[in-house]
């Protein structure tokens, strides 16, 4: 009888701890939603071109490298900004391409003459360059550049 009662208490503790973990993850997701920045898609450049044609959106490409300090800084600050995320997620198909390690990296770098990092490219559904920004961009500069492209 005592064993059955202990087993029942143990099971209820396990179930309630899963419930707490579940609630914790919901809170965590809610916090993450409030601090959302640019959502970068994991797709090839050709897939992005197809999606751009279907959606009528431009493609935004962050061309970076693993060793680039300003690239890492933008990834932590500018790209995680809520306002930047709202604008970019609404207007663009967003790609993050490592110039040296991603399959499309060398092709993108050559096609759009990337010689410094970060290089931010805005490309239409035909693959034509609309705008190119070189170097670290603040939230304000990046949003101003997008606003001037209307």
N, C-alpha and C. Protein backbone atom coordinates (compact mmCIF):
# COMPACT_ATOMS: atom_id res chain seq x y z
N UNK A 1 0.82 -1.19 0.00
CA UNK A 1 0.00 0.00 0.00
C UNK A 1 0.87 1.27 0.00
N UNK A 2 1.93 1.28 0.87
CA UNK A 2 2.80 2.44 0.92
C UNK A 2 3.52 2.61 -0.42
N UNK A 3 3.93 1.50 -1.01
CA UNK A 3 4.64 1.56 -2.29
C UNK A 3 3.74 2.17 -3.38
N UNK A 4 2.48 1.78 -3.40
CA UNK A 4 1.52 2.30 -4.38
C UNK A 4 1.32 3.80 -4.20
N UNK A 5 1.23 4.25 -2.95
CA UNK A 5 1.05 5.68 -2.67
C UNK A 5 2.28 6.46 -3.10
N UNK A 6 3.50 5.91 -2.81
CA UNK A 6 4.74 6.58 -3.22
C UNK A 6 4.85 6.64 -4.75
N UNK A 7 4.46 5.57 -5.39
CA UNK A 7 4.50 5.53 -6.85
C UNK A 7 3.56 6.58 -7.44
N UNK A 8 2.38 6.70 -6.88
CA UNK A 8 1.40 7.68 -7.34
C UNK A 8 1.92 9.11 -7.13
N UNK A 9 2.51 9.37 -5.99
CA UNK A 9 3.08 10.70 -5.70
C UNK A 9 4.23 10.99 -6.66
N UNK A 10 5.06 10.00 -6.89
CA UNK A 10 6.19 10.16 -7.82
C UNK A 10 5.73 10.49 -9.23
N UNK A 11 4.72 9.76 -9.68
CA UNK A 11 4.19 10.01 -11.02
C UNK A 11 3.59 11.41 -11.13
N UNK A 12 2.88 11.84 -10.11
CA UNK A 12 2.27 13.17 -10.17
C UNK A 12 3.35 14.26 -10.18
N UNK A 13 4.47 14.04 -9.47
CA UNK A 13 5.57 15.00 -9.50
C UNK A 13 6.20 15.07 -10.89
N UNK A 14 6.37 13.92 -11.51
CA UNK A 14 6.95 13.87 -12.87
C UNK A 14 6.03 14.61 -13.85
N UNK A 15 4.75 14.33 -13.78
CA UNK A 15 3.79 14.97 -14.68
C UNK A 15 3.77 16.47 -14.46
N UNK A 16 3.77 16.91 -13.20
CA UNK A 16 3.73 18.36 -12.94
C UNK A 16 5.03 19.03 -13.37
N UNK A 17 6.17 18.34 -13.28
CA UNK A 17 7.42 18.96 -13.71
C UNK A 17 7.43 19.12 -15.24
N UNK A 18 6.84 18.16 -15.98
CA UNK A 18 6.74 18.33 -17.43
C UNK A 18 5.84 19.51 -17.75
N UNK A 19 4.79 19.68 -16.99
CA UNK A 19 3.89 20.80 -17.20
C UNK A 19 4.62 22.12 -16.96
N UNK A 20 5.46 22.19 -15.93
CA UNK A 20 6.24 23.40 -15.66
C UNK A 20 7.23 23.67 -16.78
N UNK A 21 7.87 22.60 -17.28
CA UNK A 21 8.81 22.77 -18.39
C UNK A 21 8.09 23.26 -19.64
N UNK A 22 6.91 22.74 -19.87
CA UNK A 22 6.13 23.16 -21.02
C UNK A 22 5.77 24.63 -20.91
N UNK A 23 5.32 25.06 -19.73
CA UNK A 23 4.99 26.47 -19.52
C UNK A 23 6.23 27.34 -19.67
N UNK A 24 7.38 26.86 -19.19
CA UNK A 24 8.63 27.60 -19.30
C UNK A 24 8.99 27.81 -20.77
N UNK A 25 8.82 26.78 -21.60
CA UNK A 25 9.16 26.92 -23.01
C UNK A 25 8.20 27.87 -23.71
N UNK A 26 6.92 27.90 -23.29
CA UNK A 26 5.97 28.85 -23.86
C UNK A 26 6.36 30.27 -23.52
N UNK A 27 6.78 30.51 -22.29
CA UNK A 27 7.23 31.83 -21.86
C UNK A 27 8.47 32.23 -22.65
N UNK A 28 9.40 31.28 -22.78
CA UNK A 28 10.64 31.54 -23.52
C UNK A 28 10.32 31.90 -24.98
N UNK A 29 9.41 31.15 -25.61
CA UNK A 29 9.03 31.44 -27.00
C UNK A 29 8.37 32.80 -27.09
N UNK A 30 7.56 33.15 -26.11
CA UNK A 30 6.90 34.45 -26.11
C UNK A 30 7.92 35.58 -26.02
N UNK A 31 8.93 35.41 -25.19
CA UNK A 31 10.00 36.40 -25.07
C UNK A 31 10.76 36.48 -26.38
N UNK A 32 11.05 35.35 -27.00
CA UNK A 32 11.78 35.33 -28.27
C UNK A 32 10.97 36.04 -29.35
N UNK A 33 9.65 35.88 -29.36
CA UNK A 33 8.82 36.53 -30.36
C UNK A 33 8.92 38.05 -30.25
N UNK A 34 8.99 38.55 -29.02
CA UNK A 34 9.08 39.99 -28.82
C UNK A 34 10.42 40.54 -29.28
N UNK A 35 11.46 39.74 -29.26
CA UNK A 35 12.79 40.18 -29.65
C UNK A 35 13.20 39.59 -30.99
N UNK A 36 12.23 39.46 -31.89
CA UNK A 36 12.57 38.83 -33.15
C UNK A 36 13.14 39.84 -34.11
N UNK A 37 14.15 39.41 -34.80
CA UNK A 37 14.78 40.23 -35.82
C UNK A 37 14.52 39.61 -37.18
N UNK A 38 15.50 39.74 -38.05
CA UNK A 38 15.37 39.18 -39.39
C UNK A 38 15.36 37.66 -39.30
N UNK A 39 14.41 37.06 -39.96
CA UNK A 39 14.33 35.60 -40.05
C UNK A 39 14.96 35.21 -41.38
N UNK A 40 16.15 34.63 -41.31
CA UNK A 40 16.87 34.23 -42.51
C UNK A 40 16.42 32.83 -42.92
N UNK A 41 16.11 32.68 -44.22
CA UNK A 41 15.69 31.39 -44.76
C UNK A 41 16.90 30.55 -45.12
N UNK A 42 16.78 29.25 -44.93
CA UNK A 42 17.84 28.32 -45.33
C UNK A 42 17.42 27.72 -46.66
N UNK A 43 17.88 28.35 -47.73
CA UNK A 43 17.56 27.86 -49.07
C UNK A 43 18.68 28.28 -50.01
N UNK A 44 18.70 27.68 -51.17
CA UNK A 44 19.69 28.06 -52.17
C UNK A 44 19.29 29.38 -52.81
N UNK A 45 20.24 29.99 -53.47
CA UNK A 45 19.95 31.24 -54.18
C UNK A 45 18.89 31.00 -55.27
N UNK A 46 18.98 29.89 -55.97
CA UNK A 46 18.00 29.59 -57.02
C UNK A 46 16.59 29.41 -56.43
N UNK A 47 16.49 28.79 -55.27
CA UNK A 47 15.19 28.66 -54.61
C UNK A 47 14.66 30.04 -54.21
N UNK A 48 15.56 30.92 -53.76
CA UNK A 48 15.16 32.28 -53.39
C UNK A 48 14.66 33.04 -54.62
N UNK A 49 15.32 32.85 -55.76
CA UNK A 49 14.88 33.48 -57.01
C UNK A 49 13.46 33.02 -57.36
N UNK A 50 13.22 31.72 -57.26
CA UNK A 50 11.88 31.17 -57.54
C UNK A 50 10.84 31.76 -56.58
N UNK A 51 11.20 31.83 -55.31
CA UNK A 51 10.28 32.37 -54.31
C UNK A 51 10.04 33.86 -54.54
N UNK A 52 11.07 34.58 -54.95
CA UNK A 52 10.93 36.01 -55.24
C UNK A 52 9.98 36.23 -56.42
N UNK A 53 10.09 35.40 -57.43
CA UNK A 53 9.20 35.49 -58.59
C UNK A 53 7.75 35.24 -58.17
N UNK A 54 7.56 34.25 -57.33
CA UNK A 54 6.21 33.89 -56.89
C UNK A 54 5.60 34.93 -55.95
N UNK A 55 6.43 35.55 -55.12
CA UNK A 55 5.92 36.47 -54.10
C UNK A 55 5.98 37.94 -54.49
N UNK A 56 6.82 38.27 -55.49
CA UNK A 56 6.99 39.67 -55.87
C UNK A 56 7.93 40.42 -54.93
N UNK A 57 8.62 39.70 -54.05
CA UNK A 57 9.53 40.33 -53.11
C UNK A 57 10.95 40.39 -53.68
N UNK A 58 11.75 41.29 -53.13
CA UNK A 58 13.18 41.30 -53.41
C UNK A 58 13.86 40.30 -52.50
N UNK A 59 15.10 39.97 -52.84
CA UNK A 59 15.92 39.08 -52.01
C UNK A 59 16.96 39.94 -51.30
N UNK A 60 17.07 39.76 -50.00
CA UNK A 60 18.12 40.42 -49.21
C UNK A 60 19.14 39.34 -48.86
N UNK A 61 20.41 39.62 -49.17
CA UNK A 61 21.47 38.65 -48.88
C UNK A 61 22.53 39.30 -48.01
N UNK A 62 22.76 38.71 -46.85
CA UNK A 62 23.87 39.10 -45.99
C UNK A 62 25.04 38.20 -46.37
N UNK A 63 26.02 38.76 -47.08
CA UNK A 63 27.20 37.99 -47.46
C UNK A 63 28.26 38.27 -46.39
N UNK A 64 28.67 37.21 -45.70
CA UNK A 64 29.58 37.34 -44.57
C UNK A 64 30.61 36.22 -44.59
N UNK A 65 31.49 36.24 -43.60
CA UNK A 65 32.43 35.13 -43.39
C UNK A 65 32.46 34.81 -41.90
N UNK A 66 32.98 33.65 -41.58
CA UNK A 66 33.02 33.22 -40.18
C UNK A 66 34.01 34.03 -39.35
N UNK A 67 34.99 34.65 -39.98
CA UNK A 67 36.03 35.38 -39.26
C UNK A 67 35.79 36.89 -39.20
N UNK A 68 34.72 37.37 -39.78
CA UNK A 68 34.45 38.80 -39.89
C UNK A 68 33.82 39.36 -38.61
N UNK A 69 34.55 40.21 -37.91
CA UNK A 69 34.06 40.83 -36.68
C UNK A 69 32.83 41.69 -36.87
N UNK A 70 32.85 42.64 -37.83
CA UNK A 70 31.66 43.46 -38.05
C UNK A 70 30.44 42.64 -38.46
N UNK A 71 30.65 41.52 -39.16
CA UNK A 71 29.55 40.63 -39.54
C UNK A 71 28.89 40.05 -38.28
N UNK A 72 29.74 39.59 -37.37
CA UNK A 72 29.23 39.01 -36.11
C UNK A 72 28.49 40.06 -35.29
N UNK A 73 29.02 41.28 -35.29
CA UNK A 73 28.39 42.36 -34.53
C UNK A 73 27.01 42.69 -35.11
N UNK A 74 26.91 42.76 -36.44
CA UNK A 74 25.61 43.01 -37.06
C UNK A 74 24.63 41.89 -36.77
N UNK A 75 25.12 40.66 -36.79
CA UNK A 75 24.26 39.50 -36.50
C UNK A 75 23.67 39.59 -35.10
N UNK A 76 24.44 40.14 -34.16
CA UNK A 76 23.98 40.24 -32.77
C UNK A 76 23.12 41.48 -32.52
N UNK A 77 23.33 42.54 -33.29
CA UNK A 77 22.64 43.81 -32.99
C UNK A 77 21.62 44.18 -34.06
N UNK A 78 22.09 44.64 -35.19
CA UNK A 78 21.19 45.15 -36.24
C UNK A 78 20.19 44.11 -36.69
N UNK A 79 20.65 42.91 -36.97
CA UNK A 79 19.76 41.88 -37.51
C UNK A 79 18.78 41.34 -36.48
N UNK A 80 19.04 41.53 -35.20
CA UNK A 80 18.13 41.04 -34.17
C UNK A 80 17.15 42.13 -33.70
N UNK A 81 17.28 43.31 -34.23
CA UNK A 81 16.40 44.41 -33.85
C UNK A 81 14.97 44.13 -34.31
N UNK A 82 14.01 44.39 -33.45
CA UNK A 82 12.60 44.11 -33.74
C UNK A 82 12.09 44.91 -34.94
N UNK A 83 12.41 46.18 -35.00
CA UNK A 83 11.94 47.02 -36.11
C UNK A 83 12.56 46.58 -37.44
N UNK A 84 13.85 46.29 -37.42
CA UNK A 84 14.53 45.79 -38.62
C UNK A 84 13.88 44.47 -39.06
N UNK A 85 13.65 43.58 -38.12
CA UNK A 85 13.02 42.30 -38.43
C UNK A 85 11.65 42.47 -39.05
N UNK A 86 10.87 43.36 -38.50
CA UNK A 86 9.51 43.58 -39.01
C UNK A 86 9.55 44.04 -40.48
N UNK A 87 10.42 44.99 -40.79
CA UNK A 87 10.53 45.51 -42.15
C UNK A 87 11.06 44.44 -43.10
N UNK A 88 12.17 43.79 -42.72
CA UNK A 88 12.81 42.83 -43.61
C UNK A 88 11.98 41.56 -43.79
N UNK A 89 11.34 41.09 -42.74
CA UNK A 89 10.53 39.88 -42.86
C UNK A 89 9.29 40.11 -43.73
N UNK A 90 8.82 41.34 -43.77
CA UNK A 90 7.65 41.67 -44.57
C UNK A 90 8.02 41.91 -46.05
N UNK A 91 9.16 42.57 -46.28
CA UNK A 91 9.48 43.02 -47.64
C UNK A 91 10.42 42.12 -48.43
N UNK A 92 11.18 41.26 -47.76
CA UNK A 92 12.24 40.54 -48.44
C UNK A 92 12.23 39.04 -48.16
N UNK A 93 12.87 38.31 -49.05
CA UNK A 93 13.26 36.94 -48.79
C UNK A 93 14.69 37.09 -48.29
N UNK A 94 14.96 36.69 -47.06
CA UNK A 94 16.23 36.97 -46.41
C UNK A 94 17.15 35.75 -46.42
N UNK A 95 18.35 35.94 -46.95
CA UNK A 95 19.37 34.88 -46.99
C UNK A 95 20.61 35.34 -46.27
N UNK A 96 21.26 34.41 -45.61
CA UNK A 96 22.53 34.64 -44.94
C UNK A 96 23.50 33.68 -45.60
N UNK A 97 24.49 34.21 -46.33
CA UNK A 97 25.40 33.36 -47.08
C UNK A 97 26.84 33.61 -46.67
N UNK A 98 27.49 32.54 -46.22
CA UNK A 98 28.91 32.60 -45.90
C UNK A 98 29.66 32.50 -47.23
N UNK A 99 30.42 33.53 -47.55
CA UNK A 99 31.10 33.62 -48.84
C UNK A 99 32.10 32.50 -49.07
N UNK A 100 32.62 31.94 -48.00
CA UNK A 100 33.66 30.92 -48.11
C UNK A 100 33.16 29.50 -47.86
N UNK A 101 32.12 29.35 -47.05
CA UNK A 101 31.71 28.01 -46.64
C UNK A 101 30.40 27.51 -47.23
N UNK A 102 29.50 28.40 -47.61
CA UNK A 102 28.22 27.96 -48.17
C UNK A 102 28.37 27.65 -49.65
N UNK A 103 27.56 26.72 -50.14
CA UNK A 103 27.65 26.28 -51.53
C UNK A 103 27.52 27.44 -52.52
N UNK A 104 26.59 28.35 -52.25
CA UNK A 104 26.38 29.49 -53.15
C UNK A 104 27.35 30.65 -52.90
N UNK A 105 28.14 30.57 -51.85
CA UNK A 105 29.02 31.67 -51.46
C UNK A 105 29.95 32.18 -52.54
N UNK A 106 30.78 31.32 -53.13
CA UNK A 106 31.70 31.79 -54.17
C UNK A 106 30.97 32.36 -55.40
N UNK A 107 29.88 31.75 -55.79
CA UNK A 107 29.12 32.23 -56.96
C UNK A 107 28.53 33.60 -56.68
N UNK A 108 27.92 33.78 -55.51
CA UNK A 108 27.33 35.06 -55.13
C UNK A 108 28.43 36.13 -55.07
N UNK A 109 29.56 35.79 -54.45
CA UNK A 109 30.67 36.74 -54.31
C UNK A 109 31.18 37.20 -55.67
N UNK A 110 31.30 36.28 -56.59
CA UNK A 110 31.81 36.61 -57.92
C UNK A 110 30.77 37.40 -58.72
N UNK A 111 29.55 36.92 -58.72
CA UNK A 111 28.49 37.54 -59.51
C UNK A 111 28.21 38.99 -59.10
N UNK A 112 28.33 39.27 -57.80
CA UNK A 112 28.01 40.61 -57.30
C UNK A 112 29.25 41.37 -56.82
N UNK A 113 30.43 40.91 -57.23
CA UNK A 113 31.71 41.56 -56.94
C UNK A 113 31.85 41.91 -55.46
N UNK A 114 31.74 40.90 -54.63
CA UNK A 114 31.90 41.09 -53.18
C UNK A 114 33.38 41.02 -52.86
N UNK A 115 33.90 42.09 -52.26
CA UNK A 115 35.33 42.13 -51.92
C UNK A 115 35.58 42.51 -50.47
N UNK A 116 34.52 42.78 -49.72
CA UNK A 116 34.65 43.13 -48.31
C UNK A 116 33.42 42.60 -47.57
N UNK A 117 33.57 42.44 -46.26
CA UNK A 117 32.48 41.87 -45.46
C UNK A 117 32.17 42.76 -44.28
N UNK A 118 30.91 42.86 -43.92
CA UNK A 118 29.76 42.28 -44.61
C UNK A 118 29.43 43.08 -45.87
N UNK A 119 28.86 42.38 -46.84
CA UNK A 119 28.27 43.03 -48.01
C UNK A 119 26.80 42.62 -48.01
N UNK A 120 25.95 43.62 -48.10
CA UNK A 120 24.50 43.39 -48.08
C UNK A 120 23.95 43.65 -49.47
N UNK A 121 23.32 42.65 -50.04
CA UNK A 121 22.82 42.73 -51.40
C UNK A 121 21.30 42.71 -51.42
N UNK A 122 20.73 43.52 -52.27
CA UNK A 122 19.30 43.51 -52.54
C UNK A 122 19.16 43.17 -54.01
N UNK A 123 18.54 42.04 -54.29
CA UNK A 123 18.50 41.48 -55.63
C UNK A 123 17.04 41.23 -56.02
N UNK A 124 16.70 41.49 -57.29
CA UNK A 124 15.33 41.24 -57.73
C UNK A 124 15.15 39.79 -58.18
N UNK A 125 13.95 39.46 -58.62
CA UNK A 125 13.64 38.07 -58.98
C UNK A 125 14.31 37.62 -60.28
N UNK A 126 14.94 38.54 -60.97
CA UNK A 126 15.71 38.20 -62.17
C UNK A 126 17.19 38.02 -61.84
N UNK A 127 17.54 38.24 -60.58
CA UNK A 127 18.92 38.12 -60.16
C UNK A 127 19.72 39.40 -60.35
N UNK A 128 19.05 40.48 -60.72
CA UNK A 128 19.74 41.75 -60.95
C UNK A 128 19.89 42.51 -59.64
N UNK A 129 21.07 43.09 -59.46
CA UNK A 129 21.37 43.86 -58.25
C UNK A 129 20.56 45.15 -58.23
N UNK A 130 19.85 45.38 -57.13
CA UNK A 130 19.06 46.58 -56.93
C UNK A 130 19.84 47.57 -56.07
N UNK A 131 20.51 47.05 -55.05
CA UNK A 131 21.27 47.90 -54.12
C UNK A 131 22.34 47.05 -53.45
N UNK A 132 23.48 47.67 -53.16
CA UNK A 132 24.59 46.99 -52.49
C UNK A 132 25.12 47.91 -51.40
N UNK A 133 25.22 47.37 -50.19
CA UNK A 133 25.80 48.10 -49.06
C UNK A 133 27.01 47.33 -48.59
N UNK A 134 28.11 48.03 -48.38
CA UNK A 134 29.34 47.38 -47.94
C UNK A 134 29.71 47.91 -46.56
N UNK A 135 30.02 46.99 -45.67
CA UNK A 135 30.43 47.36 -44.32
C UNK A 135 29.29 47.28 -43.33
N UNK A 136 29.65 47.42 -42.07
CA UNK A 136 28.68 47.34 -40.97
C UNK A 136 27.67 48.47 -41.08
N UNK A 137 26.40 48.10 -40.94
CA UNK A 137 25.31 49.07 -41.02
C UNK A 137 24.57 49.12 -39.69
N UNK A 138 24.28 50.30 -39.23
CA UNK A 138 23.45 50.46 -38.03
C UNK A 138 22.00 50.22 -38.43
N UNK A 139 21.17 50.08 -37.44
CA UNK A 139 19.73 49.93 -37.66
C UNK A 139 19.22 51.10 -38.49
N UNK A 140 19.60 52.30 -38.13
CA UNK A 140 19.12 53.50 -38.79
C UNK A 140 19.56 53.56 -40.26
N UNK A 141 20.83 53.25 -40.52
CA UNK A 141 21.33 53.27 -41.90
C UNK A 141 20.65 52.21 -42.75
N UNK A 142 20.47 51.03 -42.18
CA UNK A 142 19.86 49.94 -42.93
C UNK A 142 18.40 50.26 -43.26
N UNK A 143 17.66 50.75 -42.30
CA UNK A 143 16.26 51.10 -42.54
C UNK A 143 16.14 52.26 -43.52
N UNK A 144 17.05 53.23 -43.45
CA UNK A 144 17.04 54.35 -44.40
C UNK A 144 17.33 53.86 -45.82
N UNK A 145 18.24 52.92 -45.96
CA UNK A 145 18.57 52.36 -47.28
C UNK A 145 17.35 51.66 -47.88
N UNK A 146 16.64 50.92 -47.06
CA UNK A 146 15.44 50.21 -47.52
C UNK A 146 14.35 51.22 -47.89
N UNK A 147 14.19 52.25 -47.09
CA UNK A 147 13.16 53.25 -47.36
C UNK A 147 13.43 53.99 -48.67
N UNK A 148 14.70 54.18 -49.00
CA UNK A 148 15.05 54.91 -50.23
C UNK A 148 14.89 54.04 -51.48
N UNK A 149 14.65 52.75 -51.32
CA UNK A 149 14.51 51.84 -52.46
C UNK A 149 13.07 51.79 -52.99
N UNK A 150 12.16 52.50 -52.41
CA UNK A 150 10.74 52.42 -52.81
C UNK A 150 10.53 52.78 -54.22
